[in-house]
Amino acid sequence: MDFLDAPWLRAYIVSMHRNNPRPLARDFAEVAGVFAAISDRETMKAFLEEILSPAERSSLAMRWKLLRMLHLGVPQREIAGKLHLSLCKITRGSRILKNPKSVSRALLSLKTGIEG
């Protein structure tokens, strides 16, 4: 058996490819383009239900709820208690909204009518 044909080496190369974010950058950009092409709520909802697991959908909805609560001025400790989230996750969301160039911040301002 040739060294390069060894099953362990092939498995290692496959795992390195899976764990390397660079090849996925093009795929991520393609998915962003697909999201941008969807113009109605029902189609977007159906698409997200097809590609995300129930746990991923729940996590995404929780992340948005966290950002919305922060944007509305709810204290971090109150959010932690209500949503059962760590302060680390909440701090990450807070940092996102403090960035004046944040897309999330702009979308929340548009949705709520409250400038972040």
PDB file of N, CA and C in Angstrom:
ATOM      1  N   MET A   1       0.849  -1.182   0.000  1.00  0.00           N
ATOM      2  CA  MET A   1       0.000   0.000   0.000  1.00  0.00           C
ATOM      3  C   MET A   1       0.889   1.238   0.000  1.00  0.00           C
ATOM      4  N   ASP A   2       0.580   2.164  -0.864  1.00  0.00           N
ATOM      5  CA  ASP A   2       1.294   3.431  -0.945  1.00  0.00           C
ATOM      6  C   ASP A   2       0.939   4.275   0.279  1.00  0.00           C
ATOM      7  N   PHE A   3       1.900   5.020   0.811  1.00  0.00           N
ATOM      8  CA  PHE A   3       1.703   5.871   1.981  1.00  0.00           C
ATOM      9  C   PHE A   3       0.532   6.831   1.781  1.00  0.00           C
ATOM     10  N   LEU A   4       0.420   7.420   0.601  1.00  0.00           N
ATOM     11  CA  LEU A   4      -0.637   8.390   0.336  1.00  0.00           C
ATOM     12  C   LEU A   4      -2.022   7.756   0.225  1.00  0.00           C
ATOM     13  N   ASP A   5      -2.077   6.432   0.066  1.00  0.00           N
ATOM     14  CA  ASP A   5      -3.361   5.740  -0.004  1.00  0.00           C
ATOM     15  C   ASP A   5      -3.816   5.221   1.352  1.00  0.00           C
ATOM     16  N   ALA A   6      -3.034   5.463   2.389  1.00  0.00           N
ATOM     17  CA  ALA A   6      -3.386   4.954   3.716  1.00  0.00           C
ATOM     18  C   ALA A   6      -4.721   5.540   4.166  1.00  0.00           C
ATOM     19  N   PRO A   7      -5.626   4.691   4.653  1.00  0.00           N
ATOM     20  CA  PRO A   7      -6.944   5.184   5.086  1.00  0.00           C
ATOM     21  C   PRO A   7      -6.852   6.245   6.179  1.00  0.00           C
ATOM     22  N   TRP A   8      -5.924   6.103   7.096  1.00  0.00           N
ATOM     23  CA  TRP A   8      -5.810   7.088   8.180  1.00  0.00           C
ATOM     24  C   TRP A   8      -5.417   8.446   7.630  1.00  0.00           C
ATOM     25  N   LEU A   9      -4.556   8.464   6.585  1.00  0.00           N
ATOM     26  CA  LEU A   9      -4.133   9.731   5.999  1.00  0.00           C
ATOM     27  C   LEU A   9      -5.306  10.373   5.251  1.00  0.00           C
ATOM     28  N   ARG A  10      -6.056   9.570   4.531  1.00  0.00           N
ATOM     29  CA  ARG A  10      -7.215  10.091   3.816  1.00  0.00           C
ATOM     30  C   ARG A  10      -8.223  10.678   4.819  1.00  0.00           C
ATOM     31  N   ALA A  11      -8.468   9.980   5.931  1.00  0.00           N
ATOM     32  CA  ALA A  11      -9.381  10.480   6.971  1.00  0.00           C
ATOM     33  C   ALA A  11      -8.852  11.778   7.576  1.00  0.00           C
ATOM     34  N   TYR A  12      -7.531  11.842   7.769  1.00  0.00           N
ATOM     35  CA  TYR A  12      -6.933  13.059   8.335  1.00  0.00           C
ATOM     36  C   TYR A  12      -7.120  14.242   7.384  1.00  0.00           C
ATOM     37  N   ILE A  13      -6.884  14.027   6.112  1.00  0.00           N
ATOM     38  CA  ILE A  13      -7.027  15.099   5.120  1.00  0.00           C
ATOM     39  C   ILE A  13      -8.477  15.570   5.056  1.00  0.00           C
ATOM     40  N   VAL A  14      -9.430  14.638   5.079  1.00  0.00           N
ATOM     41  CA  VAL A  14     -10.844  15.002   5.058  1.00  0.00           C
ATOM     42  C   VAL A  14     -11.194  15.815   6.292  1.00  0.00           C
ATOM     43  N   SER A  15     -10.703  15.384   7.470  1.00  0.00           N
ATOM     44  CA  SER A  15     -11.025  16.125   8.695  1.00  0.00           C
ATOM     45  C   SER A  15     -10.388  17.507   8.683  1.00  0.00           C
ATOM     46  N   MET A  16      -9.196  17.640   8.131  1.00  0.00           N
ATOM     47  CA  MET A  16      -8.551  18.953   8.043  1.00  0.00           C
ATOM     48  C   MET A  16      -9.368  19.871   7.131  1.00  0.00           C
ATOM     49  N   HIS A  17      -9.901  19.317   6.052  1.00  0.00           N
ATOM     50  CA  HIS A  17     -10.722  20.114   5.138  1.00  0.00           C
ATOM     51  C   HIS A  17     -11.986  20.594   5.847  1.00  0.00           C
ATOM     52  N   ARG A  18     -12.618  19.708   6.639  1.00  0.00           N
ATOM     53  CA  ARG A  18     -13.836  20.068   7.361  1.00  0.00           C
ATOM     54  C   ARG A  18     -13.569  21.159   8.387  1.00  0.00           C
ATOM     55  N   ASN A  19     -12.401  21.119   9.025  1.00  0.00           N
ATOM     56  CA  ASN A  19     -12.083  22.061  10.096  1.00  0.00           C
ATOM     57  C   ASN A  19     -11.410  23.335   9.598  1.00  0.00           C
ATOM     58  N   ASN A  20     -11.143  23.416   8.312  1.00  0.00           N
ATOM     59  CA  ASN A  20     -10.488  24.593   7.755  1.00  0.00           C
ATOM     60  C   ASN A  20     -11.555  25.528   7.199  1.00  0.00           C
ATOM     61  N   PRO A  21     -11.725  26.713   7.801  1.00  0.00           N
ATOM     62  CA  PRO A  21     -12.798  27.608   7.352  1.00  0.00           C
ATOM     63  C   PRO A  21     -12.575  28.236   5.982  1.00  0.00           C
ATOM     64  N   ARG A  22     -11.355  28.224   5.475  1.00  0.00           N
ATOM     65  CA  ARG A  22     -11.097  28.898   4.198  1.00  0.00           C
ATOM     66  C   ARG A  22     -11.900  28.349   3.030  1.00  0.00           C
ATOM     67  N   PRO A  23     -11.938  27.015   2.829  1.00  0.00           N
ATOM     68  CA  PRO A  23     -12.740  26.526   1.702  1.00  0.00           C
ATOM     69  C   PRO A  23     -14.219  26.858   1.861  1.00  0.00           C
ATOM     70  N   LEU A  24     -14.681  27.036   3.089  1.00  0.00           N
ATOM     71  CA  LEU A  24     -16.086  27.324   3.317  1.00  0.00           C
ATOM     72  C   LEU A  24     -16.436  28.793   3.090  1.00  0.00           C
ATOM     73  N   ALA A  25     -15.459  29.661   2.995  1.00  0.00           N
ATOM     74  CA  ALA A  25     -15.726  31.088   2.810  1.00  0.00           C
ATOM     75  C   ALA A  25     -16.526  31.325   1.531  1.00  0.00           C
ATOM     76  N   ARG A  26     -16.184  30.632   0.480  1.00  0.00           N
ATOM     77  CA  ARG A  26     -16.906  30.780  -0.797  1.00  0.00           C
ATOM     78  C   ARG A  26     -18.342  30.276  -0.639  1.00  0.00           C
ATOM     79  N   ASP A  27     -18.499  29.153   0.065  1.00  0.00           N
ATOM     80  CA  ASP A  27     -19.838  28.609   0.292  1.00  0.00           C
ATOM     81  C   ASP A  27     -20.670  29.552   1.163  1.00  0.00           C
ATOM     82  N   PHE A  28     -20.044  30.142   2.177  1.00  0.00           N
ATOM     83  CA  PHE A  28     -20.742  31.086   3.050  1.00  0.00           C
ATOM     84  C   PHE A  28     -21.217  32.290   2.246  1.00  0.00           C
ATOM     85  N   ALA A  29     -20.366  32.782   1.373  1.00  0.00           N
ATOM     86  CA  ALA A  29     -20.741  33.916   0.520  1.00  0.00           C
ATOM     87  C   ALA A  29     -21.898  33.528  -0.398  1.00  0.00           C
ATOM     88  N   GLU A  30     -21.878  32.294  -0.886  1.00  0.00           N
ATOM     89  CA  GLU A  30     -22.971  31.835  -1.754  1.00  0.00           C
ATOM     90  C   GLU A  30     -24.287  31.774  -0.974  1.00  0.00           C
ATOM     91  N   VAL A  31     -24.235  31.270   0.255  1.00  0.00           N
ATOM     92  CA  VAL A  31     -25.440  31.210   1.088  1.00  0.00           C
ATOM     93  C   VAL A  31     -25.958  32.624   1.364  1.00  0.00           C
ATOM     94  N   ALA A  32     -25.058  33.564   1.630  1.00  0.00           N
ATOM     95  CA  ALA A  32     -25.470  34.951   1.846  1.00  0.00           C
ATOM     96  C   ALA A  32     -26.194  35.483   0.618  1.00  0.00           C
ATOM     97  N   GLY A  33     -25.715  35.132  -0.559  1.00  0.00           N
ATOM     98  CA  GLY A  33     -26.375  35.536  -1.799  1.00  0.00           C
ATOM     99  C   GLY A  33     -27.761  34.929  -1.936  1.00  0.00           C
ATOM    100  N   VAL A  34     -27.896  33.672  -1.518  1.00  0.00           N
ATOM    101  CA  VAL A  34     -29.204  33.011  -1.554  1.00  0.00           C
ATOM    102  C   VAL A  34     -30.161  33.731  -0.599  1.00  0.00           C
ATOM    103  N   PHE A  35     -29.684  34.050   0.624  1.00  0.00           N
ATOM    104  CA  PHE A  35     -30.516  34.792   1.578  1.00  0.00           C
ATOM    105  C   PHE A  35     -30.968  36.116   0.969  1.00  0.00           C
ATOM    106  N   ALA A  36     -30.041  36.808   0.332  1.00  0.00           N
ATOM    107  CA  ALA A  36     -30.350  38.121  -0.243  1.00  0.00           C
ATOM    108  C   ALA A  36     -31.366  38.012  -1.377  1.00  0.00           C
ATOM    109  N   ALA A  37     -31.416  36.857  -2.046  1.00  0.00           N
ATOM    110  CA  ALA A  37     -32.331  36.680  -3.172  1.00  0.00           C
ATOM    111  C   ALA A  37     -33.764  36.369  -2.723  1.00  0.00           C
ATOM    112  N   ILE A  38     -33.913  35.983  -1.450  1.00  0.00           N
ATOM    113  CA  ILE A  38     -35.250  35.642  -0.949  1.00  0.00           C
ATOM    114  C   ILE A  38     -35.931  36.917  -0.477  1.00  0.00           C
ATOM    115  N   SER A  39     -37.080  37.213  -1.079  1.00  0.00           N
ATOM    116  CA  SER A  39     -37.705  38.513  -0.811  1.00  0.00           C
ATOM    117  C   SER A  39     -38.964  38.449   0.055  1.00  0.00           C
ATOM    118  N   ASP A  40     -39.448  37.251   0.350  1.00  0.00           N
ATOM    119  CA  ASP A  40     -40.651  37.220   1.182  1.00  0.00           C
ATOM    120  C   ASP A  40     -40.448  36.321   2.408  1.00  0.00           C
ATOM    121  N   ARG A  41     -41.183  36.652   3.464  1.00  0.00           N
ATOM    122  CA  ARG A  41     -41.043  36.008   4.763  1.00  0.00           C
ATOM    123  C   ARG A  41     -41.316  34.508   4.702  1.00  0.00           C
ATOM    124  N   GLU A  42     -42.368  34.079   4.019  1.00  0.00           N
ATOM    125  CA  GLU A  42     -42.737  32.659   3.984  1.00  0.00           C
ATOM    126  C   GLU A  42     -41.672  31.814   3.287  1.00  0.00           C
ATOM    127  N   THR A  43     -41.122  32.330   2.187  1.00  0.00           N
ATOM    128  CA  THR A  43     -40.064  31.603   1.490  1.00  0.00           C
ATOM    129  C   THR A  43     -38.825  31.514   2.366  1.00  0.00           C
ATOM    130  N   MET A  44     -38.470  32.618   3.046  1.00  0.00           N
ATOM    131  CA  MET A  44     -37.309  32.604   3.934  1.00  0.00           C
ATOM    132  C   MET A  44     -37.527  31.614   5.072  1.00  0.00           C
ATOM    133  N   LYS A  45     -38.707  31.615   5.658  1.00  0.00           N
ATOM    134  CA  LYS A  45     -39.009  30.699   6.753  1.00  0.00           C
ATOM    135  C   LYS A  45     -38.890  29.247   6.281  1.00  0.00           C
ATOM    136  N   ALA A  46     -39.444  28.946   5.122  1.00  0.00           N
ATOM    137  CA  ALA A  46     -39.368  27.586   4.571  1.00  0.00           C
ATOM    138  C   ALA A  46     -37.915  27.188   4.313  1.00  0.00           C
ATOM    139  N   PHE A  47     -37.137  28.107   3.759  1.00  0.00           N
ATOM    140  CA  PHE A  47     -35.726  27.836   3.482  1.00  0.00           C
ATOM    141  C   PHE A  47     -34.972  27.540   4.778  1.00  0.00           C
ATOM    142  N   LEU A  48     -35.172  28.379   5.792  1.00  0.00           N
ATOM    143  CA  LEU A  48     -34.484  28.171   7.075  1.00  0.00           C
ATOM    144  C   LEU A  48     -34.904  26.854   7.723  1.00  0.00           C
ATOM    145  N   GLU A  49     -36.177  26.500   7.594  1.00  0.00           N
ATOM    146  CA  GLU A  49     -36.644  25.221   8.141  1.00  0.00           C
ATOM    147  C   GLU A  49     -36.022  24.040   7.414  1.00  0.00           C
ATOM    148  N   GLU A  50     -35.732  24.206   6.123  1.00  0.00           N
ATOM    149  CA  GLU A  50     -35.115  23.127   5.354  1.00  0.00           C
ATOM    150  C   GLU A  50     -33.642  22.943   5.697  1.00  0.00           C
ATOM    151  N   ILE A  51     -32.919  24.038   5.860  1.00  0.00           N
ATOM    152  CA  ILE A  51     -31.470  23.905   6.006  1.00  0.00           C
ATOM    153  C   ILE A  51     -30.976  23.881   7.451  1.00  0.00           C
ATOM    154  N   LEU A  52     -31.804  24.322   8.407  1.00  0.00           N
ATOM    155  CA  LEU A  52     -31.377  24.348   9.803  1.00  0.00           C
ATOM    156  C   LEU A  52     -32.104  23.275  10.601  1.00  0.00           C
ATOM    157  N   SER A  53     -31.389  22.699  11.546  1.00  0.00           N
ATOM    158  CA  SER A  53     -32.022  21.742  12.456  1.00  0.00           C
ATOM    159  C   SER A  53     -32.898  22.517  13.438  1.00  0.00           C
ATOM    160  N   PRO A  54     -33.808  21.842  14.135  1.00  0.00           N
ATOM    161  CA  PRO A  54     -34.609  22.538  15.145  1.00  0.00           C
ATOM    162  C   PRO A  54     -33.738  23.249  16.187  1.00  0.00           C
ATOM    163  N   ALA A  55     -32.652  22.634  16.593  1.00  0.00           N
ATOM    164  CA  ALA A  55     -31.750  23.265  17.577  1.00  0.00           C
ATOM    165  C   ALA A  55     -31.095  24.519  16.999  1.00  0.00           C
ATOM    166  N   GLU A  56     -30.696  24.461  15.720  1.00  0.00           N
ATOM    167  CA  GLU A  56     -30.084  25.631  15.087  1.00  0.00           C
ATOM    168  C   GLU A  56     -31.100  26.761  14.942  1.00  0.00           C
ATOM    169  N   ARG A  57     -32.345  26.423  14.585  1.00  0.00           N
ATOM    170  CA  ARG A  57     -33.394  27.448  14.479  1.00  0.00           C
ATOM    171  C   ARG A  57     -33.663  28.086  15.832  1.00  0.00           C
ATOM    172  N   SER A  58     -33.697  27.275  16.864  1.00  0.00           N
ATOM    173  CA  SER A  58     -33.927  27.780  18.217  1.00  0.00           C
ATOM    174  C   SER A  58     -32.786  28.702  18.647  1.00  0.00           C
ATOM    175  N   SER A  59     -31.572  28.301  18.347  1.00  0.00           N
ATOM    176  CA  SER A  59     -30.398  29.111  18.695  1.00  0.00           C
ATOM    177  C   SER A  59     -30.416  30.448  17.957  1.00  0.00           C
ATOM    178  N   LEU A  60     -30.776  30.417  16.692  1.00  0.00           N
ATOM    179  CA  LEU A  60     -30.850  31.641  15.895  1.00  0.00           C
ATOM    180  C   LEU A  60     -31.935  32.575  16.438  1.00  0.00           C
ATOM    181  N   ALA A  61     -33.094  32.019  16.748  1.00  0.00           N
ATOM    182  CA  ALA A  61     -34.193  32.830  17.292  1.00  0.00           C
ATOM    183  C   ALA A  61     -33.800  33.418  18.656  1.00  0.00           C
ATOM    184  N   MET A  62     -33.110  32.629  19.472  1.00  0.00           N
ATOM    185  CA  MET A  62     -32.670  33.112  20.784  1.00  0.00           C
ATOM    186  C   MET A  62     -31.651  34.238  20.626  1.00  0.00           C
ATOM    187  N   ARG A  63     -30.744  34.103  19.668  1.00  0.00           N
ATOM    188  CA  ARG A  63     -29.737  35.147  19.435  1.00  0.00           C
ATOM    189  C   ARG A  63     -30.418  36.451  19.044  1.00  0.00           C
ATOM    190  N   TRP A  64     -31.445  36.363  18.170  1.00  0.00           N
ATOM    191  CA  TRP A  64     -32.162  37.572  17.742  1.00  0.00           C
ATOM    192  C   TRP A  64     -32.925  38.181  18.918  1.00  0.00           C
ATOM    193  N   LYS A  65     -33.554  37.327  19.734  1.00  0.00           N
ATOM    194  CA  LYS A  65     -34.292  37.818  20.899  1.00  0.00           C
ATOM    195  C   LYS A  65     -33.346  38.542  21.850  1.00  0.00           C
ATOM    196  N   LEU A  66     -32.174  37.982  22.060  1.00  0.00           N
ATOM    197  CA  LEU A  66     -31.155  38.604  22.907  1.00  0.00           C
ATOM    198  C   LEU A  66     -30.774  39.978  22.364  1.00  0.00           C
ATOM    199  N   LEU A  67     -30.489  40.065  21.079  1.00  0.00           N
ATOM    200  CA  LEU A  67     -30.117  41.343  20.469  1.00  0.00           C
ATOM    201  C   LEU A  67     -31.247  42.361  20.578  1.00  0.00           C
ATOM    202  N   ARG A  68     -32.479  41.907  20.358  1.00  0.00           N
ATOM    203  CA  ARG A  68     -33.634  42.804  20.450  1.00  0.00           C
ATOM    204  C   ARG A  68     -33.789  43.348  21.873  1.00  0.00           C
ATOM    205  N   MET A  69     -33.647  42.475  22.873  1.00  0.00           N
ATOM    206  CA  MET A  69     -33.776  42.916  24.265  1.00  0.00           C
ATOM    207  C   MET A  69     -32.672  43.911  24.629  1.00  0.00           C
ATOM    208  N   LEU A  70     -31.448  43.631  24.196  1.00  0.00           N
ATOM    209  CA  LEU A  70     -30.344  44.568  24.452  1.00  0.00           C
ATOM    210  C   LEU A  70     -30.629  45.912  23.799  1.00  0.00           C
ATOM    211  N   HIS A  71     -31.102  45.854  22.564  1.00  0.00           N
ATOM    212  CA  HIS A  71     -31.396  47.076  21.817  1.00  0.00           C
ATOM    213  C   HIS A  71     -32.471  47.915  22.514  1.00  0.00           C
ATOM    214  N   LEU A  72     -33.427  47.243  23.139  1.00  0.00           N
ATOM    215  CA  LEU A  72     -34.498  47.933  23.852  1.00  0.00           C
ATOM    216  C   LEU A  72     -34.078  48.423  25.232  1.00  0.00           C
ATOM    217  N   GLY A  73     -32.826  48.113  25.608  1.00  0.00           N
ATOM    218  CA  GLY A  73     -32.303  48.630  26.871  1.00  0.00           C
ATOM    219  C   GLY A  73     -32.521  47.748  28.088  1.00  0.00           C
ATOM    220  N   VAL A  74     -32.914  46.509  27.884  1.00  0.00           N
ATOM    221  CA  VAL A  74     -33.104  45.592  29.007  1.00  0.00           C
ATOM    222  C   VAL A  74     -31.717  45.291  29.611  1.00  0.00           C
ATOM    223  N   PRO A  75     -31.573  45.398  30.936  1.00  0.00           N
ATOM    224  CA  PRO A  75     -30.272  45.133  31.574  1.00  0.00           C
ATOM    225  C   PRO A  75     -29.792  43.694  31.321  1.00  0.00           C
ATOM    226  N   GLN A  76     -28.478  43.548  31.198  1.00  0.00           N
ATOM    227  CA  GLN A  76     -27.893  42.247  30.880  1.00  0.00           C
ATOM    228  C   GLN A  76     -28.247  41.172  31.907  1.00  0.00           C
ATOM    229  N   ARG A  77     -28.210  41.498  33.167  1.00  0.00           N
ATOM    230  CA  ARG A  77     -28.526  40.503  34.205  1.00  0.00           C
ATOM    231  C   ARG A  77     -29.989  40.058  34.120  1.00  0.00           C
ATOM    232  N   GLU A  78     -30.866  40.977  33.762  1.00  0.00           N
ATOM    233  CA  GLU A  78     -32.278  40.617  33.589  1.00  0.00           C
ATOM    234  C   GLU A  78     -32.438  39.667  32.399  1.00  0.00           C
ATOM    235  N   ILE A  79     -31.718  39.965  31.318  1.00  0.00           N
ATOM    236  CA  ILE A  79     -31.753  39.093  30.135  1.00  0.00           C
ATOM    237  C   ILE A  79     -31.238  37.709  30.504  1.00  0.00           C
ATOM    238  N   ALA A  80     -30.138  37.661  31.248  1.00  0.00           N
ATOM    239  CA  ALA A  80     -29.551  36.382  31.662  1.00  0.00           C
ATOM    240  C   ALA A  80     -30.567  35.558  32.441  1.00  0.00           C
ATOM    241  N   GLY A  81     -31.295  36.209  33.340  1.00  0.00           N
ATOM    242  CA  GLY A  81     -32.300  35.512  34.130  1.00  0.00           C
ATOM    243  C   GLY A  81     -33.485  35.047  33.313  1.00  0.00           C
ATOM    244  N   LYS A  82     -33.977  35.901  32.424  1.00  0.00           N
ATOM    245  CA  LYS A  82     -35.164  35.561  31.629  1.00  0.00           C
ATOM    246  C   LYS A  82     -34.880  34.517  30.557  1.00  0.00           C
ATOM    247  N   LEU A  83     -33.724  34.637  29.899  1.00  0.00           N
ATOM    248  CA  LEU A  83     -33.424  33.746  28.781  1.00  0.00           C
ATOM    249  C   LEU A  83     -32.515  32.582  29.164  1.00  0.00           C
ATOM    250  N   HIS A  84     -32.033  32.586  30.399  1.00  0.00           N
ATOM    251  CA  HIS A  84     -31.127  31.536  30.883  1.00  0.00           C
ATOM    252  C   HIS A  84     -29.871  31.445  30.005  1.00  0.00           C
ATOM    253  N   LEU A  85     -29.281  32.611  29.752  1.00  0.00           N
ATOM    254  CA  LEU A  85     -28.064  32.701  28.955  1.00  0.00           C
ATOM    255  C   LEU A  85     -26.905  33.145  29.833  1.00  0.00           C
ATOM    256  N   SER A  86     -25.698  32.788  29.413  1.00  0.00           N
ATOM    257  CA  SER A  86     -24.512  33.230  30.144  1.00  0.00           C
ATOM    258  C   SER A  86     -24.261  34.706  29.846  1.00  0.00           C
ATOM    259  N   LEU A  87     -23.607  35.363  30.790  1.00  0.00           N
ATOM    260  CA  LEU A  87     -23.253  36.765  30.574  1.00  0.00           C
ATOM    261  C   LEU A  87     -22.276  36.912  29.412  1.00  0.00           C
ATOM    262  N   CYS A  88     -21.489  35.873  29.138  1.00  0.00           N
ATOM    263  CA  CYS A  88     -20.554  35.924  27.994  1.00  0.00           C
ATOM    264  C   CYS A  88     -21.312  36.087  26.677  1.00  0.00           C
ATOM    265  N   LYS A  89     -22.378  35.308  26.491  1.00  0.00           N
ATOM    266  CA  LYS A  89     -23.182  35.421  25.260  1.00  0.00           C
ATOM    267  C   LYS A  89     -23.831  36.797  25.170  1.00  0.00           C
ATOM    268  N   ILE A  90     -24.294  37.275  26.309  1.00  0.00           N
ATOM    269  CA  ILE A  90     -24.970  38.571  26.327  1.00  0.00           C
ATOM    270  C   ILE A  90     -23.973  39.687  26.040  1.00  0.00           C
ATOM    271  N   THR A  91     -22.774  39.580  26.593  1.00  0.00           N
ATOM    272  CA  THR A  91     -21.732  40.578  26.339  1.00  0.00           C
ATOM    273  C   THR A  91     -21.361  40.598  24.864  1.00  0.00           C
ATOM    274  N   ARG A  92     -21.306  39.431  24.232  1.00  0.00           N
ATOM    275  CA  ARG A  92     -21.007  39.378  22.794  1.00  0.00           C
ATOM    276  C   ARG A  92     -22.068  40.151  22.017  1.00  0.00           C
ATOM    277  N   GLY A  93     -23.329  39.930  22.361  1.00  0.00           N
ATOM    278  CA  GLY A  93     -24.415  40.653  21.699  1.00  0.00           C
ATOM    279  C   GLY A  93     -24.312  42.151  21.935  1.00  0.00           C
ATOM    280  N   SER A  94     -23.940  42.522  23.150  1.00  0.00           N
ATOM    281  CA  SER A  94     -23.798  43.940  23.493  1.00  0.00           C
ATOM    282  C   SER A  94     -22.697  44.589  22.653  1.00  0.00           C
ATOM    283  N   ARG A  95     -21.590  43.860  22.478  1.00  0.00           N
ATOM    284  CA  ARG A  95     -20.488  44.381  21.661  1.00  0.00           C
ATOM    285  C   ARG A  95     -20.924  44.578  20.211  1.00  0.00           C
ATOM    286  N   ILE A  96     -21.722  43.666  19.713  1.00  0.00           N
ATOM    287  CA  ILE A  96     -22.225  43.789  18.336  1.00  0.00           C
ATOM    288  C   ILE A  96     -23.015  45.087  18.196  1.00  0.00           C
ATOM    289  N   LEU A  97     -23.884  45.354  19.154  1.00  0.00           N
ATOM    290  CA  LEU A  97     -24.757  46.527  19.063  1.00  0.00           C
ATOM    291  C   LEU A  97     -24.038  47.840  19.356  1.00  0.00           C
ATOM    292  N   LYS A  98     -22.891  47.781  20.020  1.00  0.00           N
ATOM    293  CA  LYS A  98     -22.123  49.004  20.285  1.00  0.00           C
ATOM    294  C   LYS A  98     -21.356  49.471  19.048  1.00  0.00           C
ATOM    295  N   ASN A  99     -21.172  48.576  18.094  1.00  0.00           N
ATOM    296  CA  ASN A  99     -20.454  48.911  16.864  1.00  0.00           C
ATOM    297  C   ASN A  99     -21.364  49.772  15.980  1.00  0.00           C
ATOM    298  N   PRO A 100     -20.971  51.028  15.711  1.00  0.00           N
ATOM    299  CA  PRO A 100     -21.830  51.900  14.894  1.00  0.00           C
ATOM    300  C   PRO A 100     -22.052  51.377  13.474  1.00  0.00           C
ATOM    301  N   LYS A 101     -21.207  50.470  12.997  1.00  0.00           N
ATOM    302  CA  LYS A 101     -21.360  49.913  11.649  1.00  0.00           C
ATOM    303  C   LYS A 101     -22.098  48.571  11.654  1.00  0.00           C
ATOM    304  N   SER A 102     -22.624  48.165  12.814  1.00  0.00           N
ATOM    305  CA  SER A 102     -23.284  46.872  12.943  1.00  0.00           C
ATOM    306  C   SER A 102     -24.559  46.806  12.089  1.00  0.00           C
ATOM    307  N   VAL A 103     -24.647  45.776  11.283  1.00  0.00           N
ATOM    308  CA  VAL A 103     -25.844  45.543  10.473  1.00  0.00           C
ATOM    309  C   VAL A 103     -27.011  45.178  11.391  1.00  0.00           C
ATOM    310  N   SER A 104     -26.732  44.368  12.422  1.00  0.00           N
ATOM    311  CA  SER A 104     -27.782  43.986  13.374  1.00  0.00           C
ATOM    312  C   SER A 104     -28.372  45.216  14.039  1.00  0.00           C
ATOM    313  N   ARG A 105     -27.524  46.117  14.433  1.00  0.00           N
ATOM    314  CA  ARG A 105     -27.965  47.366  15.076  1.00  0.00           C
ATOM    315  C   ARG A 105     -28.864  48.179  14.134  1.00  0.00           C
ATOM    316  N   ALA A 106     -28.435  48.302  12.886  1.00  0.00           N
ATOM    317  CA  ALA A 106     -29.215  49.057  11.895  1.00  0.00           C
ATOM    318  C   ALA A 106     -30.570  48.394  11.652  1.00  0.00           C
ATOM    319  N   LEU A 107     -30.595  47.066  11.554  1.00  0.00           N
ATOM    320  CA  LEU A 107     -31.854  46.360  11.330  1.00  0.00           C
ATOM    321  C   LEU A 107     -32.792  46.504  12.518  1.00  0.00           C
ATOM    322  N   LEU A 108     -32.244  46.417  13.728  1.00  0.00           N
ATOM    323  CA  LEU A 108     -33.073  46.586  14.921  1.00  0.00           C
ATOM    324  C   LEU A 108     -33.610  48.012  15.029  1.00  0.00           C
ATOM    325  N   SER A 109     -32.791  48.989  14.676  1.00  0.00           N
ATOM    326  CA  SER A 109     -33.253  50.386  14.693  1.00  0.00           C
ATOM    327  C   SER A 109     -34.386  50.580  13.703  1.00  0.00           C
ATOM    328  N   LEU A 110     -34.265  49.983  12.542  1.00  0.00           N
ATOM    329  CA  LEU A 110     -35.304  50.072  11.524  1.00  0.00           C
ATOM    330  C   LEU A 110     -36.590  49.388  12.000  1.00  0.00           C
ATOM    331  N   LYS A 111     -36.441  48.218  12.609  1.00  0.00           N
ATOM    332  CA  LYS A 111     -37.596  47.438  13.065  1.00  0.00           C
ATOM    333  C   LYS A 111     -38.299  48.092  14.246  1.00  0.00           C
ATOM    334  N   THR A 112     -37.531  48.633  15.194  1.00  0.00           N
ATOM    335  CA  THR A 112     -38.127  49.152  16.426  1.00  0.00           C
ATOM    336  C   THR A 112     -38.383  50.658  16.370  1.00  0.00           C
ATOM    337  N   GLY A 113     -37.725  51.353  15.461  1.00  0.00           N
ATOM    338  CA  GLY A 113     -37.833  52.806  15.420  1.00  0.00           C
ATOM    339  C   GLY A 113     -36.984  53.469  16.497  1.00  0.00           C
ATOM    340  N   ILE A 114     -36.174  52.682  17.201  1.00  0.00           N
ATOM    341  CA  ILE A 114     -35.302  53.193  18.259  1.00  0.00           C
ATOM    342  C   ILE A 114     -33.860  53.133  17.765  1.00  0.00           C
ATOM    343  N   GLU A 115     -33.210  54.291  17.786  1.00  0.00           N
ATOM    344  CA  GLU A 115     -31.797  54.321  17.403  1.00  0.00           C
ATOM    345  C   GLU A 115     -30.968  53.633  18.475  1.00  0.00           C
ATOM    346  N   GLY A 116     -30.023  52.814  18.016  1.00  0.00           N
ATOM    347  CA  GLY A 116     -29.171  52.077  18.964  1.00  0.00           C
ATOM    348  C   GLY A 116     -27.992  52.867  19.422  1.00  0.00           C
TER     349      GLY A 116
END
